[in-house]
Amino acid sequence: MKKHLFVRAAGALFLAGAAAPIRAESARSENFEIHCVVCHGENGKRQTEEGRKKKARDLTNARWQETIDDARIVRSITKGHDEMPAFGKKLTVDEIKALAAEVRSLAKKSS
């Protein structure tokens, strides 16, 4: 009897799980999702209402990426820049460096 109940419960859970929508994992870090997506968007192109309002940077722009160094990106994340808030008191140095590397990864690949 107990075995029957277990099998039924397991089957019901399996079917319920199969019917649930599968959510694709984000390609972005948790910190990017929390602190950057609202303005820069998931893809870094600033195609969000808040991004347009604050004139956020298109992080995928290869020309912009070529004109700045990593220290500038780290400084902007740490201290803020124009309308961008500072995250130096919210994030660790390593988290900021990881976000800077993530920003670099958004550059459009030239074909």
N, C-alpha and C. Protein backbone atom coordinates (compact mmCIF):
# COMPACT_ATOMS: atom_id res chain seq x y z
N MET A 1 0.82 -1.20 0.00
CA MET A 1 0.00 0.00 0.00
C MET A 1 0.87 1.27 0.00
N LYS A 2 1.87 1.32 0.89
CA LYS A 2 2.75 2.48 0.95
C LYS A 2 3.49 2.66 -0.36
N LYS A 3 3.90 1.52 -0.95
CA LYS A 3 4.62 1.59 -2.22
C LYS A 3 3.74 2.18 -3.31
N HIS A 4 2.46 1.79 -3.31
CA HIS A 4 1.50 2.31 -4.29
C HIS A 4 1.34 3.83 -4.18
N LEU A 5 1.22 4.30 -2.94
CA LEU A 5 1.06 5.74 -2.71
C LEU A 5 2.31 6.50 -3.16
N PHE A 6 3.47 5.94 -2.88
CA PHE A 6 4.72 6.58 -3.29
C PHE A 6 4.79 6.68 -4.81
N VAL A 7 4.46 5.59 -5.50
CA VAL A 7 4.51 5.58 -6.96
C VAL A 7 3.52 6.58 -7.54
N ARG A 8 2.32 6.64 -6.96
CA ARG A 8 1.32 7.61 -7.44
C ARG A 8 1.80 9.05 -7.23
N ALA A 9 2.33 9.31 -6.03
CA ALA A 9 2.82 10.67 -5.73
C ALA A 9 3.97 11.04 -6.65
N ALA A 10 4.90 10.12 -6.86
CA ALA A 10 6.03 10.39 -7.75
C ALA A 10 5.54 10.64 -9.17
N GLY A 11 4.58 9.85 -9.61
CA GLY A 11 4.03 10.04 -10.96
C GLY A 11 3.35 11.39 -11.10
N ALA A 12 2.59 11.77 -10.09
CA ALA A 12 1.90 13.07 -10.13
C ALA A 12 2.90 14.22 -10.17
N LEU A 13 3.96 14.11 -9.37
CA LEU A 13 4.99 15.15 -9.39
C LEU A 13 5.67 15.21 -10.74
N PHE A 14 5.95 14.05 -11.33
CA PHE A 14 6.58 14.02 -12.64
C PHE A 14 5.72 14.70 -13.68
N LEU A 15 4.43 14.37 -13.70
CA LEU A 15 3.53 14.97 -14.67
C LEU A 15 3.37 16.47 -14.45
N ALA A 16 3.30 16.87 -13.20
CA ALA A 16 3.19 18.31 -12.90
C ALA A 16 4.42 19.04 -13.38
N GLY A 17 5.58 18.45 -13.17
CA GLY A 17 6.83 19.06 -13.63
C GLY A 17 6.91 19.13 -15.14
N ALA A 18 6.42 18.12 -15.81
CA ALA A 18 6.46 18.09 -17.27
C ALA A 18 5.57 19.16 -17.88
N ALA A 19 4.50 19.51 -17.17
CA ALA A 19 3.57 20.51 -17.70
C ALA A 19 4.05 21.93 -17.43
N ALA A 20 4.98 22.10 -16.49
CA ALA A 20 5.47 23.43 -16.14
C ALA A 20 6.36 23.96 -17.26
N PRO A 21 6.26 25.25 -17.57
CA PRO A 21 7.12 25.81 -18.61
C PRO A 21 8.58 25.76 -18.20
N ILE A 22 9.43 25.50 -19.14
CA ILE A 22 10.86 25.45 -18.87
C ILE A 22 11.42 26.83 -19.12
N ARG A 23 12.09 27.39 -18.12
CA ARG A 23 12.67 28.73 -18.23
C ARG A 23 14.14 28.59 -18.60
N ALA A 24 14.50 29.21 -19.67
CA ALA A 24 15.91 29.17 -20.10
C ALA A 24 16.76 29.95 -19.12
N GLU A 25 17.92 29.44 -18.83
CA GLU A 25 18.85 30.14 -17.95
C GLU A 25 19.37 31.39 -18.65
N SER A 26 19.55 32.44 -17.89
CA SER A 26 20.06 33.68 -18.44
C SER A 26 21.55 33.54 -18.76
N ALA A 27 21.95 34.21 -19.80
CA ALA A 27 23.36 34.22 -20.17
C ALA A 27 24.13 35.23 -19.33
N ARG A 28 23.45 36.00 -18.52
CA ARG A 28 24.05 37.05 -17.72
C ARG A 28 24.21 36.62 -16.26
N SER A 29 25.17 37.23 -15.58
CA SER A 29 25.40 36.93 -14.17
C SER A 29 24.25 37.50 -13.33
N GLU A 30 24.17 37.01 -12.12
CA GLU A 30 23.15 37.50 -11.20
C GLU A 30 23.34 38.99 -10.94
N ASN A 31 24.58 39.44 -10.76
CA ASN A 31 24.82 40.86 -10.53
C ASN A 31 24.42 41.71 -11.73
N PHE A 32 24.68 41.22 -12.94
CA PHE A 32 24.26 41.95 -14.14
C PHE A 32 22.73 42.04 -14.16
N GLU A 33 22.08 40.93 -13.88
CA GLU A 33 20.61 40.90 -13.85
C GLU A 33 20.05 41.90 -12.84
N ILE A 34 20.65 41.94 -11.66
CA ILE A 34 20.15 42.79 -10.58
C ILE A 34 20.46 44.27 -10.82
N HIS A 35 21.68 44.58 -11.23
CA HIS A 35 22.12 45.97 -11.25
C HIS A 35 22.17 46.63 -12.63
N CYS A 36 22.25 45.84 -13.70
CA CYS A 36 22.51 46.42 -15.01
C CYS A 36 21.35 46.32 -16.00
N VAL A 37 20.61 45.22 -15.93
CA VAL A 37 19.59 44.95 -16.94
C VAL A 37 18.51 46.02 -17.00
N VAL A 38 18.17 46.62 -15.87
CA VAL A 38 17.10 47.62 -15.87
C VAL A 38 17.38 48.76 -16.85
N CYS A 39 18.63 49.13 -17.02
CA CYS A 39 18.98 50.20 -17.96
C CYS A 39 19.62 49.68 -19.24
N HIS A 40 20.55 48.74 -19.11
CA HIS A 40 21.30 48.28 -20.29
C HIS A 40 20.61 47.14 -21.01
N GLY A 41 19.65 46.50 -20.37
CA GLY A 41 18.93 45.39 -20.98
C GLY A 41 19.73 44.10 -20.90
N GLU A 42 19.05 42.99 -21.11
CA GLU A 42 19.66 41.67 -21.06
C GLU A 42 20.82 41.54 -22.05
N ASN A 43 20.66 42.17 -23.21
CA ASN A 43 21.69 42.05 -24.25
C ASN A 43 22.69 43.20 -24.25
N GLY A 44 22.54 44.15 -23.33
CA GLY A 44 23.47 45.27 -23.22
C GLY A 44 23.23 46.42 -24.18
N LYS A 45 22.16 46.36 -24.96
CA LYS A 45 21.91 47.38 -25.99
C LYS A 45 21.10 48.58 -25.51
N ARG A 46 20.81 48.62 -24.21
CA ARG A 46 20.04 49.71 -23.58
C ARG A 46 18.63 49.89 -24.15
N GLN A 47 18.06 48.86 -24.67
CA GLN A 47 16.73 48.97 -25.26
C GLN A 47 15.64 48.75 -24.21
N THR A 48 15.74 49.51 -23.14
CA THR A 48 14.73 49.48 -22.08
C THR A 48 14.22 50.91 -21.89
N GLU A 49 13.05 51.01 -21.31
CA GLU A 49 12.49 52.35 -21.08
C GLU A 49 13.43 53.17 -20.19
N GLU A 50 13.91 52.55 -19.12
CA GLU A 50 14.81 53.24 -18.19
C GLU A 50 16.13 53.60 -18.88
N GLY A 51 16.63 52.70 -19.71
CA GLY A 51 17.87 52.94 -20.43
C GLY A 51 17.76 54.12 -21.39
N ARG A 52 16.63 54.19 -22.09
CA ARG A 52 16.43 55.33 -23.00
C ARG A 52 16.27 56.63 -22.22
N LYS A 53 15.55 56.55 -21.11
CA LYS A 53 15.33 57.75 -20.30
C LYS A 53 16.65 58.29 -19.75
N LYS A 54 17.52 57.40 -19.29
CA LYS A 54 18.79 57.83 -18.69
C LYS A 54 19.93 57.90 -19.69
N LYS A 55 19.63 57.63 -20.96
CA LYS A 55 20.65 57.64 -22.01
C LYS A 55 21.81 56.71 -21.65
N ALA A 56 21.44 55.49 -21.25
CA ALA A 56 22.44 54.48 -20.88
C ALA A 56 23.29 54.13 -22.09
N ARG A 57 24.46 53.67 -21.84
CA ARG A 57 25.41 53.28 -22.88
C ARG A 57 24.98 51.96 -23.52
N ASP A 58 25.14 51.86 -24.85
CA ASP A 58 24.98 50.59 -25.55
C ASP A 58 26.30 49.84 -25.35
N LEU A 59 26.28 48.84 -24.48
CA LEU A 59 27.51 48.13 -24.12
C LEU A 59 28.01 47.23 -25.23
N THR A 60 27.22 47.03 -26.28
CA THR A 60 27.64 46.18 -27.39
C THR A 60 28.38 46.95 -28.47
N ASN A 61 28.45 48.27 -28.33
CA ASN A 61 29.06 49.11 -29.35
C ASN A 61 30.58 48.89 -29.40
N ALA A 62 31.03 48.25 -30.46
CA ALA A 62 32.45 47.90 -30.58
C ALA A 62 33.34 49.14 -30.60
N ARG A 63 32.91 50.20 -31.24
CA ARG A 63 33.71 51.43 -31.31
C ARG A 63 33.95 51.99 -29.90
N TRP A 64 32.88 52.04 -29.09
CA TRP A 64 33.02 52.51 -27.70
C TRP A 64 33.95 51.58 -26.92
N GLN A 65 33.76 50.27 -27.09
CA GLN A 65 34.58 49.29 -26.36
C GLN A 65 36.07 49.47 -26.70
N GLU A 66 36.37 49.83 -27.94
CA GLU A 66 37.77 50.00 -28.37
C GLU A 66 38.40 51.26 -27.79
N THR A 67 37.58 52.25 -27.43
CA THR A 67 38.12 53.54 -26.99
C THR A 67 38.38 53.62 -25.50
N ILE A 68 37.93 52.64 -24.73
CA ILE A 68 38.13 52.70 -23.29
C ILE A 68 38.90 51.48 -22.80
N ASP A 69 39.51 51.64 -21.63
CA ASP A 69 40.23 50.49 -21.06
C ASP A 69 39.40 49.89 -19.92
N ASP A 70 39.87 48.75 -19.43
CA ASP A 70 39.14 48.06 -18.37
C ASP A 70 39.03 48.91 -17.11
N ALA A 71 40.07 49.69 -16.82
CA ALA A 71 40.05 50.53 -15.63
C ALA A 71 38.89 51.53 -15.68
N ARG A 72 38.59 52.04 -16.85
CA ARG A 72 37.48 52.99 -17.01
C ARG A 72 36.15 52.31 -16.72
N ILE A 73 35.98 51.07 -17.19
CA ILE A 73 34.73 50.34 -16.93
C ILE A 73 34.60 50.08 -15.43
N VAL A 74 35.69 49.64 -14.82
CA VAL A 74 35.69 49.38 -13.37
C VAL A 74 35.35 50.66 -12.61
N ARG A 75 35.95 51.77 -13.01
CA ARG A 75 35.70 53.06 -12.35
C ARG A 75 34.24 53.48 -12.50
N SER A 76 33.67 53.29 -13.69
CA SER A 76 32.26 53.66 -13.91
C SER A 76 31.33 52.82 -13.05
N ILE A 77 31.61 51.53 -12.95
CA ILE A 77 30.78 50.66 -12.11
C ILE A 77 30.95 51.05 -10.64
N THR A 78 32.16 51.32 -10.24
CA THR A 78 32.45 51.62 -8.84
C THR A 78 31.90 52.97 -8.42
N LYS A 79 32.17 54.02 -9.20
CA LYS A 79 31.83 55.38 -8.81
C LYS A 79 30.62 55.96 -9.53
N GLY A 80 30.13 55.27 -10.55
CA GLY A 80 29.04 55.80 -11.35
C GLY A 80 29.57 56.69 -12.45
N HIS A 81 28.71 57.03 -13.38
CA HIS A 81 29.11 57.89 -14.50
C HIS A 81 27.85 58.50 -15.08
N ASP A 82 27.83 59.83 -15.21
CA ASP A 82 26.65 60.54 -15.68
C ASP A 82 25.43 60.09 -14.86
N GLU A 83 24.43 59.48 -15.51
CA GLU A 83 23.21 59.06 -14.80
C GLU A 83 23.34 57.68 -14.16
N MET A 84 24.45 57.00 -14.42
CA MET A 84 24.64 55.67 -13.87
C MET A 84 25.02 55.75 -12.39
N PRO A 85 24.31 54.99 -11.54
CA PRO A 85 24.65 55.03 -10.11
C PRO A 85 25.95 54.30 -9.81
N ALA A 86 26.53 54.61 -8.67
CA ALA A 86 27.76 53.94 -8.20
C ALA A 86 27.39 52.63 -7.50
N PHE A 87 28.20 51.61 -7.73
CA PHE A 87 27.98 50.31 -7.10
C PHE A 87 29.13 49.90 -6.20
N GLY A 88 30.06 50.82 -5.94
CA GLY A 88 31.23 50.53 -5.13
C GLY A 88 30.93 50.13 -3.70
N LYS A 89 29.80 50.56 -3.17
CA LYS A 89 29.43 50.19 -1.80
C LYS A 89 28.50 48.99 -1.76
N LYS A 90 28.01 48.56 -2.92
CA LYS A 90 27.09 47.41 -2.98
C LYS A 90 27.79 46.13 -3.41
N LEU A 91 28.88 46.27 -4.16
CA LEU A 91 29.57 45.12 -4.73
C LEU A 91 31.01 45.07 -4.26
N THR A 92 31.57 43.87 -4.23
CA THR A 92 32.98 43.72 -3.88
C THR A 92 33.83 44.07 -5.09
N VAL A 93 35.11 44.25 -4.86
CA VAL A 93 36.05 44.54 -5.95
C VAL A 93 36.00 43.41 -6.99
N ASP A 94 35.97 42.16 -6.51
CA ASP A 94 35.93 41.03 -7.44
C ASP A 94 34.63 41.00 -8.24
N GLU A 95 33.52 41.36 -7.62
CA GLU A 95 32.24 41.40 -8.34
C GLU A 95 32.26 42.50 -9.40
N ILE A 96 32.86 43.62 -9.07
CA ILE A 96 32.97 44.73 -10.03
C ILE A 96 33.85 44.33 -11.21
N LYS A 97 34.97 43.67 -10.93
CA LYS A 97 35.84 43.21 -12.01
C LYS A 97 35.13 42.18 -12.89
N ALA A 98 34.34 41.32 -12.28
CA ALA A 98 33.58 40.33 -13.05
C ALA A 98 32.54 41.02 -13.94
N LEU A 99 31.89 42.06 -13.42
CA LEU A 99 30.94 42.82 -14.25
C LEU A 99 31.65 43.51 -15.40
N ALA A 100 32.83 44.05 -15.14
CA ALA A 100 33.61 44.70 -16.20
C ALA A 100 33.95 43.69 -17.30
N ALA A 101 34.33 42.49 -16.91
CA ALA A 101 34.63 41.44 -17.90
C ALA A 101 33.36 41.07 -18.67
N GLU A 102 32.23 41.07 -17.98
CA GLU A 102 30.96 40.76 -18.65
C GLU A 102 30.60 41.86 -19.65
N VAL A 103 30.86 43.10 -19.28
CA VAL A 103 30.63 44.22 -20.22
C VAL A 103 31.51 44.02 -21.46
N ARG A 104 32.75 43.66 -21.26
CA ARG A 104 33.66 43.41 -22.39
C ARG A 104 33.13 42.30 -23.30
N SER A 105 32.51 41.30 -22.70
CA SER A 105 32.01 40.16 -23.49
C SER A 105 30.83 40.54 -24.38
N LEU A 106 30.25 41.71 -24.15
CA LEU A 106 29.08 42.14 -24.92
C LEU A 106 29.45 42.83 -26.23
N ALA A 107 30.71 43.12 -26.44
CA ALA A 107 31.12 43.80 -27.68
C ALA A 107 30.69 43.00 -28.89
N LYS A 108 30.16 43.70 -29.87
CA LYS A 108 29.76 43.02 -31.12
C LYS A 108 30.99 42.41 -31.76
N LYS A 109 30.85 41.20 -32.16
CA LYS A 109 31.95 40.53 -32.85
C LYS A 109 31.97 41.02 -34.30
N SER A 110 33.13 41.47 -34.76
CA SER A 110 33.21 41.92 -36.15
C SER A 110 33.32 40.69 -37.04
N SER A 111 32.58 40.72 -38.14
CA SER A 111 32.55 39.56 -39.04
C SER A 111 33.49 39.74 -40.20
